[in-house]
Amino acid sequence: MNVPTSFSEQEIHQTAVIVVAAGSGTRLGYGIPKALVPLAGRSLLEHALDRIQLAGCAAQVIAVLPEDEAELAAIAANHPLRPHWVSGGATRNDSVRAGLAALEPGTERVLIHDAARALTPPEVFRQVVSSLLAGAQAVIPVVPVVDTIKQVATDPGRQPHVTGTPARDLLRAVQTPQGFHAPTLLAAHQQATDWDRAKAEAITDDAMLMEILGERVDTVPGAAAALKITTKPDLVLAESMLPAHPPKESPMPPHSGGQQPPLIPRTGIGIDVHAVADPAEPRAMWLAGLHFPEDQGLSGHSDGDAVAHAACDALFSAAGIGDLGTHFGTDRPEYAGASGTTLLAEAARLVRAAGFEIGNVAVQFVGRRPKFAARRTEADAVLSKAAGAPVSVTATTSDGLGYEGAGAGVTAYATALVYSVR
């Protein structure tokens, strides 16, 4: 099968990849979610996303993460792919359904991929998509089985015993990504929601679900590098497969002309100040997209989130399209009480509509309260998700000086980098 090197814009737009990364990783023994386990200095999730980016076959990438896992959420938000992320469920099937629920309308093809198969080569993704484009309803990558396989049974009080030996040339080991006609897979999962627990738990992958419902499942060649990393020896083997100098993707789309134009970034600065609201008027404290219930909130037309507001101003400054007052001023009643993340998401949309992509935003705020260090990673993830680009937040005090030191208010300083994509 010829592996395509590129797809049309419409084919890419109608294709999604769901990366299932909600596993606990107990057998790896790190005490952290499996997708967070490091491999040559990068998490398994990052390696998986790297290869999806290199495949260049899908406009939508959805990462299904453990619930309340702030560090993985920050990793996803800061990856160049900027995948949408959702919380997974108690089982793999639950996690896949959570990812399917996040698909955009009009999605024709969906690939289900395990983050534990972090080194799956880009060409495997392309083969799966190519097979779907050729008319397959379901397609899986497979590799030949090299060991002799025995079927065994266990009788009470006796040793397990062999009941048969399947013909090895008919057997294949299954890998991911598994690709499906999206409406068909959605319908299959909808049917499975009514099954009893035993029948549902017997489904070990989405291809098996399609088989049970009578759908044909085609195959394409898999790859040795797509091994499933489950134990520490798997990690050692995976590291031995990593190239000394991995290929890098350009952050810019290909230029249609002859010579690639130089990438000239634009930077912007934003400053936002909010006073602590009068104690006589209790107000929720929202800062950096997070709620701090122990603290009195900041005054303002919206929620008073000085960090998010400074980030918006820095983006507007970098793109040269006005400032916070231009877009979200007090003459805009629809933004009264709006959350900082709502404003940041809208600011990012306006910047992109003006012909720019966002490199990153960095914010530092000065204030006595709230206590921030323990929630910094969480704030980075929430704001990065809102902006669709990396956002990092730091905090400092003013050694008791000025209104910040007295606890009367908060000042946030932000810088943003954007670049033209037109």
Protein backbone atom coordinates (compact mmCIF):
# COMPACT_ATOMS: atom_id res chain seq x y z
CA MET A 1 0.00 0.00 0.00
CA ASN A 2 1.40 3.40 -0.99
CA VAL A 3 1.57 5.68 2.02
CA PRO A 4 0.40 9.22 1.17
CA THR A 5 2.62 12.06 2.29
CA SER A 6 -0.15 14.67 2.40
CA PHE A 7 -3.91 15.11 2.37
CA SER A 8 -6.23 17.80 1.07
CA GLU A 9 -7.37 20.59 3.35
CA GLN A 10 -10.92 19.19 3.39
CA GLU A 11 -9.70 15.66 4.22
CA ILE A 12 -7.64 17.00 7.11
CA HIS A 13 -10.49 19.18 8.36
CA GLN A 14 -12.87 16.21 8.46
CA THR A 15 -10.44 13.95 10.35
CA ALA A 16 -9.89 13.79 14.11
CA VAL A 17 -7.50 11.92 16.39
CA ILE A 18 -8.54 11.02 19.94
CA VAL A 19 -5.52 10.30 22.15
CA VAL A 20 -6.57 8.16 25.10
CA ALA A 21 -4.23 9.17 27.94
CA ALA A 22 -6.32 8.57 31.07
CA GLY A 23 -4.56 5.39 32.27
CA SER A 24 -3.05 5.12 35.75
CA GLY A 25 0.18 3.39 34.69
CA THR A 26 0.29 1.20 37.81
CA ARG A 27 2.52 -1.45 36.21
CA LEU A 28 5.15 1.16 35.31
CA GLY A 29 5.60 1.88 39.01
CA TYR A 30 6.11 5.64 38.78
CA GLY A 31 3.11 6.58 40.90
CA ILE A 32 1.93 9.05 38.23
CA PRO A 33 -0.44 8.74 35.25
CA LYS A 34 1.08 6.65 32.47
CA ALA A 35 0.95 9.46 29.90
CA LEU A 36 3.09 11.60 32.24
CA VAL A 37 5.89 9.01 32.52
CA PRO A 38 9.12 10.40 31.01
CA LEU A 39 10.81 8.86 27.99
CA ALA A 40 14.12 10.52 27.07
CA GLY A 41 13.12 13.70 28.90
CA ARG A 42 9.60 14.03 27.44
CA SER A 43 6.31 12.59 28.60
CA LEU A 44 4.66 9.77 26.69
CA LEU A 45 1.83 12.16 25.84
CA GLU A 46 4.26 14.62 24.24
CA HIS A 47 5.87 11.87 22.16
CA ALA A 48 2.45 10.74 20.96
CA LEU A 49 1.41 14.29 20.05
CA ASP A 50 4.74 14.86 18.27
CA ARG A 51 4.05 12.00 15.89
CA ILE A 52 0.47 13.05 15.25
CA GLN A 53 1.80 16.50 14.35
CA LEU A 54 4.32 14.98 11.94
CA ALA A 55 1.60 12.82 10.34
CA GLY A 56 -0.30 15.98 9.30
CA CYS A 57 -3.55 14.10 8.73
CA ALA A 58 -6.04 15.64 11.21
CA ALA A 59 -7.25 19.11 12.09
CA GLN A 60 -8.83 17.99 15.36
CA VAL A 61 -6.77 16.40 18.12
CA ILE A 62 -8.52 15.53 21.39
CA ALA A 63 -6.54 14.34 24.42
CA VAL A 64 -8.51 12.35 27.00
CA LEU A 65 -6.78 12.88 30.36
CA PRO A 66 -7.28 11.70 33.93
CA GLU A 67 -9.76 13.86 35.83
CA ASP A 68 -8.17 16.81 37.69
CA GLU A 69 -4.71 16.06 36.22
CA ALA A 70 -3.35 19.60 35.95
CA GLU A 71 0.19 18.71 34.82
CA LEU A 72 -0.95 16.67 31.83
CA ALA A 73 -3.46 19.37 30.97
CA ALA A 74 -0.64 21.93 30.95
CA ILE A 75 1.48 19.66 28.74
CA ALA A 76 -1.39 19.31 26.27
CA ALA A 77 -2.10 23.03 26.27
CA ASN A 78 1.55 23.91 25.66
CA HIS A 79 2.18 21.42 22.85
CA PRO A 80 2.36 23.01 19.36
CA LEU A 81 -0.70 20.96 18.32
CA ARG A 82 -2.75 22.63 21.08
CA PRO A 83 -5.13 19.68 21.39
CA HIS A 84 -8.53 20.09 22.98
CA TRP A 85 -8.56 18.02 26.18
CA VAL A 86 -11.33 16.37 28.14
CA SER A 87 -11.49 14.25 31.29
CA GLY A 88 -11.67 10.49 30.87
CA GLY A 89 -13.82 7.93 32.64
CA ALA A 90 -13.44 4.85 34.83
CA THR A 91 -12.83 2.53 31.85
CA ARG A 92 -11.19 2.85 28.46
CA ASN A 93 -14.59 2.70 26.78
CA ASP A 94 -15.79 5.56 28.99
CA SER A 95 -12.71 7.59 28.04
CA VAL A 96 -13.22 6.95 24.31
CA ARG A 97 -16.84 8.08 24.64
CA ALA A 98 -15.69 11.27 26.36
CA GLY A 99 -13.41 11.94 23.40
CA LEU A 100 -16.14 11.16 20.87
CA ALA A 101 -18.48 13.58 22.63
CA ALA A 102 -15.97 16.36 21.91
CA LEU A 103 -15.84 15.79 18.14
CA GLU A 104 -16.76 18.77 16.01
CA PRO A 105 -19.85 18.53 13.79
CA GLY A 106 -19.05 17.25 10.31
CA THR A 107 -16.24 14.92 11.41
CA GLU A 108 -16.10 12.04 8.91
CA ARG A 109 -13.11 10.07 10.18
CA VAL A 110 -11.82 9.49 13.70
CA LEU A 111 -8.64 7.74 14.82
CA ILE A 112 -8.51 6.29 18.36
CA HIS A 113 -4.92 6.20 19.60
CA ASP A 114 -3.35 5.09 22.90
CA ALA A 115 -0.79 7.50 24.36
CA ALA A 116 1.02 4.37 25.63
CA ARG A 117 1.93 3.69 21.97
CA ALA A 118 3.86 6.92 22.04
CA LEU A 119 6.33 6.11 19.25
CA THR A 120 3.85 5.04 16.55
CA PRO A 121 5.41 6.34 13.32
CA PRO A 122 3.57 9.09 11.39
CA GLU A 123 3.24 6.84 8.34
CA VAL A 124 0.99 4.45 10.31
CA PHE A 125 -1.45 7.30 10.95
CA ARG A 126 -1.36 8.17 7.25
CA GLN A 127 -2.00 4.56 6.20
CA VAL A 128 -5.05 4.36 8.45
CA VAL A 129 -6.48 7.62 7.12
CA SER A 130 -5.75 6.60 3.52
CA SER A 131 -7.67 3.33 4.04
CA LEU A 132 -10.65 5.23 5.46
CA LEU A 133 -10.60 7.60 2.50
CA ALA A 134 -10.67 4.55 0.22
CA GLY A 135 -13.96 3.47 1.77
CA ALA A 136 -13.14 1.39 4.87
CA GLN A 137 -15.56 1.74 7.79
CA ALA A 138 -12.99 0.47 10.28
CA VAL A 139 -9.25 -0.14 9.91
CA ILE A 140 -6.55 -1.22 12.35
CA PRO A 141 -2.74 -1.48 12.11
CA VAL A 142 -1.47 -5.00 12.78
CA VAL A 143 1.84 -6.88 12.98
CA PRO A 144 2.47 -10.62 12.57
CA VAL A 145 2.55 -12.76 15.71
CA VAL A 146 6.01 -14.30 16.15
CA ASP A 147 5.28 -16.52 19.17
CA THR A 148 3.26 -19.72 19.07
CA ILE A 149 -0.07 -18.99 20.77
CA LYS A 150 -1.86 -21.56 22.94
CA GLN A 151 -5.49 -21.47 23.96
CA VAL A 152 -5.83 -22.57 27.59
CA ALA A 153 -8.58 -23.40 30.05
CA THR A 154 -8.59 -23.58 33.83
CA ASP A 155 -10.48 -26.27 35.74
CA PRO A 156 -11.05 -25.93 39.49
CA GLY A 157 -8.26 -27.58 41.46
CA ARG A 158 -6.11 -28.34 38.42
CA GLN A 159 -3.29 -26.68 36.50
CA PRO A 160 -4.33 -24.64 33.42
CA HIS A 161 -4.17 -26.85 30.35
CA VAL A 162 -3.94 -26.33 26.58
CA THR A 163 -7.14 -26.70 24.59
CA GLY A 164 -5.84 -25.69 21.18
CA THR A 165 -3.14 -24.03 19.07
CA PRO A 166 -4.42 -21.44 16.58
CA ALA A 167 -2.61 -21.27 13.26
CA ARG A 168 0.00 -18.57 13.74
CA ASP A 169 -0.15 -17.35 10.15
CA LEU A 170 -3.77 -16.30 10.75
CA LEU A 171 -2.99 -14.29 13.88
CA ARG A 172 -2.04 -10.62 14.13
CA ALA A 173 -1.20 -8.34 17.05
CA VAL A 174 -3.28 -5.17 17.00
CA GLN A 175 -1.90 -1.64 17.46
CA THR A 176 -3.24 1.90 17.34
CA PRO A 177 -4.34 4.28 15.92
CA GLN A 178 -7.52 2.47 14.99
CA GLY A 179 -9.50 4.39 12.39
CA PHE A 180 -13.25 4.54 11.87
CA HIS A 181 -15.98 6.21 9.90
CA ALA A 182 -16.95 8.61 12.68
CA PRO A 183 -20.78 8.38 12.43
CA THR A 184 -20.57 4.56 12.43
CA LEU A 185 -18.37 4.46 15.53
CA LEU A 186 -20.59 6.96 17.33
CA ALA A 187 -23.63 4.81 16.57
CA ALA A 188 -21.81 1.69 17.78
CA HIS A 189 -20.92 3.28 21.11
CA GLN A 190 -24.48 4.48 21.48
CA GLN A 191 -25.72 0.90 21.13
CA ALA A 192 -23.14 -0.35 23.62
CA THR A 193 -24.34 2.01 26.35
CA ASP A 194 -27.35 -0.30 26.89
CA TRP A 195 -25.27 -3.46 27.32
CA ASP A 196 -24.87 -5.12 30.71
CA ARG A 197 -21.60 -4.60 32.60
CA ALA A 198 -20.08 -8.00 31.75
CA LYS A 199 -20.66 -7.61 28.01
CA ALA A 200 -19.40 -4.02 28.01
CA GLU A 201 -16.21 -4.88 29.92
CA ALA A 202 -15.44 -7.69 27.46
CA ILE A 203 -14.84 -5.05 24.76
CA THR A 204 -11.08 -4.45 24.76
CA ASP A 205 -10.87 -2.08 21.80
CA ASP A 206 -13.12 -0.20 19.40
CA ALA A 207 -12.44 -2.62 16.55
CA MET A 208 -13.91 -5.43 18.67
CA LEU A 209 -17.03 -3.33 19.19
CA MET A 210 -17.38 -2.92 15.43
CA GLU A 211 -16.88 -6.68 14.91
CA ILE A 212 -19.65 -7.55 17.38
CA LEU A 213 -22.00 -5.22 15.52
CA GLY A 214 -21.19 -6.91 12.22
CA GLU A 215 -18.95 -4.25 10.66
CA ARG A 216 -15.98 -5.28 8.50
CA VAL A 217 -12.60 -4.31 10.01
CA ASP A 218 -9.76 -3.87 7.50
CA THR A 219 -6.06 -3.95 8.36
CA VAL A 220 -2.92 -2.07 7.39
CA PRO A 221 0.69 -2.85 8.36
CA GLY A 222 1.70 -1.68 11.82
CA ALA A 223 5.22 -0.98 13.05
CA ALA A 224 7.63 -2.37 15.64
CA ALA A 225 8.05 1.13 17.07
CA ALA A 226 4.34 1.22 17.94
CA LEU A 227 4.83 -1.08 20.92
CA LYS A 228 2.58 -0.49 23.92
CA ILE A 229 4.59 0.87 26.84
CA THR A 230 3.22 -0.94 29.88
CA THR A 231 6.23 -2.03 31.96
CA LYS A 232 9.70 -0.65 32.70
CA PRO A 233 11.38 -3.00 30.19
CA ASP A 234 9.04 -1.55 27.56
CA LEU A 235 10.40 1.92 28.41
CA VAL A 236 13.97 0.72 27.95
CA LEU A 237 13.09 -0.82 24.57
CA ALA A 238 11.24 2.32 23.49
CA GLU A 239 14.18 4.53 24.38
CA SER A 240 16.47 2.38 22.25
CA MET A 241 14.16 3.08 19.28
CA LEU A 242 14.35 6.86 19.55
CA PRO A 243 16.44 8.53 16.82
CA ALA A 244 19.46 10.53 17.96
CA HIS A 245 18.13 13.61 16.12
CA PRO A 246 14.32 13.49 15.77
CA PRO A 247 12.74 15.48 12.93
CA LYS A 248 11.16 18.82 13.79
CA GLU A 249 7.95 20.31 12.40
CA SER A 250 7.90 23.94 11.40
CA PRO A 251 5.39 26.01 13.40
CA MET A 252 4.47 27.82 10.17
CA PRO A 253 2.37 26.40 7.34
CA PRO A 254 4.14 25.84 4.00
CA HIS A 255 4.46 28.95 1.87
CA SER A 256 2.86 28.66 -1.54
CA GLY A 257 5.53 30.74 -3.24
CA GLY A 258 9.10 29.82 -3.95
CA GLN A 259 11.18 31.05 -1.00
CA GLN A 260 10.01 30.67 2.61
CA PRO A 261 9.39 34.16 4.03
CA PRO A 262 11.21 35.01 7.26
CA LEU A 263 9.27 34.53 10.47
CA ILE A 264 9.07 37.99 12.07
CA PRO A 265 7.28 37.86 15.42
CA ARG A 266 5.48 40.79 17.02
CA THR A 267 5.47 41.36 20.77
CA GLY A 268 3.01 43.21 22.98
CA ILE A 269 2.79 44.36 26.59
CA GLY A 270 -0.27 44.45 28.80
CA ILE A 271 -0.76 45.84 32.32
CA ASP A 272 -3.89 45.50 34.42
CA VAL A 273 -4.64 46.77 37.93
CA HIS A 274 -7.59 45.88 40.12
CA ALA A 275 -8.35 46.93 43.67
CA VAL A 276 -9.63 44.49 46.25
CA ALA A 277 -13.39 45.02 46.49
CA ASP A 278 -14.91 46.70 49.56
CA PRO A 279 -15.47 44.07 52.29
CA ALA A 280 -19.02 45.37 52.63
CA GLU A 281 -19.68 43.90 49.16
CA PRO A 282 -18.53 40.25 49.21
CA ARG A 283 -17.08 39.31 45.83
CA ALA A 284 -15.56 36.05 44.55
CA MET A 285 -11.81 36.11 43.97
CA TRP A 286 -10.98 35.01 40.43
CA LEU A 287 -7.36 35.26 39.31
CA ALA A 288 -5.51 33.50 36.47
CA GLY A 289 -8.72 31.69 35.59
CA LEU A 290 -8.98 30.11 39.06
CA HIS A 291 -11.36 30.62 41.97
CA PHE A 292 -9.79 31.32 45.38
CA PRO A 293 -12.70 30.97 47.81
CA GLU A 294 -10.72 32.11 50.87
CA ASP A 295 -10.05 35.59 49.50
CA GLN A 296 -12.14 38.69 48.86
CA GLY A 297 -12.35 39.31 45.12
CA LEU A 298 -11.18 42.19 42.96
CA SER A 299 -13.43 44.99 41.78
CA GLY A 300 -14.14 45.45 38.07
CA HIS A 301 -16.66 45.46 35.24
CA SER A 302 -16.13 41.73 34.67
CA ASP A 303 -14.80 39.25 37.24
CA GLY A 304 -11.71 41.38 38.01
CA ASP A 305 -9.22 38.74 36.84
CA ALA A 306 -6.21 41.00 36.43
CA VAL A 307 -4.00 38.19 35.08
CA ALA A 308 -6.38 37.22 32.29
CA HIS A 309 -7.05 40.88 31.47
CA ALA A 310 -3.33 41.67 31.20
CA ALA A 311 -2.91 38.68 28.89
CA CYS A 312 -5.72 40.02 26.67
CA ASP A 313 -4.13 43.47 26.55
CA ALA A 314 -0.74 42.01 25.62
CA LEU A 315 -2.30 40.05 22.75
CA PHE A 316 -4.16 43.11 21.45
CA SER A 317 -0.96 45.14 21.71
CA ALA A 318 1.08 42.56 19.81
CA ALA A 319 -1.50 42.33 17.02
CA GLY A 320 -2.04 46.10 16.92
CA ILE A 321 -5.83 45.85 17.22
CA GLY A 322 -6.59 48.12 20.16
CA ASP A 323 -6.75 47.31 23.84
CA LEU A 324 -8.96 45.86 26.55
CA GLY A 325 -11.23 48.90 26.60
CA THR A 326 -11.65 48.77 22.83
CA HIS A 327 -13.08 45.29 22.89
CA PHE A 328 -14.43 44.69 26.42
CA GLY A 329 -15.09 48.18 27.82
CA THR A 330 -17.87 49.22 30.18
CA ASP A 331 -19.93 50.20 27.15
CA ARG A 332 -20.22 46.47 26.34
CA PRO A 333 -22.87 45.22 28.79
CA GLU A 334 -22.58 41.67 27.47
CA TYR A 335 -19.18 41.45 29.18
CA ALA A 336 -20.40 42.59 32.60
CA GLY A 337 -19.34 39.88 35.04
CA ALA A 338 -17.66 37.85 32.28
CA SER A 339 -14.96 35.43 33.37
CA GLY A 340 -11.34 36.14 32.57
CA THR A 341 -11.11 32.92 30.56
CA THR A 342 -14.09 34.00 28.44
CA LEU A 343 -12.37 37.29 27.65
CA LEU A 344 -9.04 35.60 26.93
CA ALA A 345 -10.66 33.11 24.55
CA GLU A 346 -12.39 35.96 22.72
CA ALA A 347 -9.16 38.00 22.61
CA ALA A 348 -7.35 35.02 21.07
CA ARG A 349 -10.14 34.64 18.50
CA LEU A 350 -9.90 38.33 17.55
CA VAL A 351 -6.11 38.10 17.20
CA ARG A 352 -6.40 35.08 14.92
CA ALA A 353 -9.17 36.75 12.91
CA ALA A 354 -6.75 39.63 12.35
CA GLY A 355 -4.32 37.23 10.66
CA PHE A 356 -2.01 36.24 13.50
CA GLU A 357 -1.14 33.07 15.36
CA ILE A 358 -0.14 33.17 19.02
CA GLY A 359 3.32 32.02 20.06
CA ASN A 360 2.95 32.39 23.81
CA VAL A 361 1.84 34.70 26.62
CA ALA A 362 3.71 35.21 29.91
CA VAL A 363 2.13 36.97 32.90
CA GLN A 364 3.49 37.97 36.29
CA PHE A 365 1.25 39.44 38.96
CA VAL A 366 2.20 41.35 42.09
CA GLY A 367 0.03 40.96 45.15
CA ARG A 368 -0.15 39.89 48.73
CA ARG A 369 -3.07 37.54 48.11
CA PRO A 370 -4.07 34.99 46.94
CA LYS A 371 -1.48 32.33 47.77
CA PHE A 372 -0.65 31.10 44.30
CA ALA A 373 2.38 28.78 44.12
CA ALA A 374 0.48 25.54 44.71
CA ARG A 375 -1.93 26.29 41.84
CA ARG A 376 0.48 27.69 39.25
CA THR A 377 0.40 24.62 36.99
CA GLU A 378 -3.39 24.55 37.16
CA ALA A 379 -3.54 28.22 36.15
CA ASP A 380 -1.19 27.63 33.22
CA ALA A 381 -3.44 24.83 31.95
CA VAL A 382 -6.70 26.78 32.30
CA LEU A 383 -5.40 29.92 30.59
CA SER A 384 -3.56 27.97 27.88
CA LYS A 385 -6.78 26.14 27.06
CA ALA A 386 -8.67 29.43 26.84
CA ALA A 387 -6.06 31.04 24.58
CA GLY A 388 -5.35 27.95 22.50
CA ALA A 389 -1.66 28.71 23.03
CA PRO A 390 0.93 28.42 25.82
CA VAL A 391 0.26 30.79 28.73
CA SER A 392 2.51 30.80 31.80
CA VAL A 393 1.87 32.67 35.04
CA THR A 394 4.20 33.60 37.88
CA ALA A 395 3.59 35.58 41.05
CA THR A 396 5.58 37.79 43.39
CA THR A 397 5.05 40.13 46.31
CA SER A 398 6.33 43.67 46.73
CA ASP A 399 7.97 43.09 50.14
CA GLY A 400 5.13 44.94 51.81
CA LEU A 401 5.56 48.07 49.68
CA GLY A 402 2.77 49.96 47.93
CA TYR A 403 -0.86 49.02 47.53
CA GLU A 404 0.06 45.45 46.52
CA GLY A 405 2.06 45.00 49.70
CA ALA A 406 -0.76 46.43 51.77
CA GLY A 407 -3.18 43.95 50.21
CA ALA A 408 -5.27 46.70 48.62
CA GLY A 409 -4.93 45.50 45.03
CA VAL A 410 -3.20 43.38 42.40
CA THR A 411 -1.12 44.42 39.38
CA ALA A 412 -0.49 42.03 36.47
CA TYR A 413 2.15 42.49 33.77
CA ALA A 414 1.98 40.44 30.56
CA THR A 415 3.96 39.99 27.39
CA ALA A 416 2.70 38.21 24.26
CA LEU A 417 4.30 37.00 21.06
CA VAL A 418 2.30 36.63 17.84
CA TYR A 419 3.29 36.07 14.21
CA SER A 420 1.51 36.73 10.93
CA VAL A 421 0.06 33.79 9.03
CA ARG A 422 -1.12 35.81 6.02
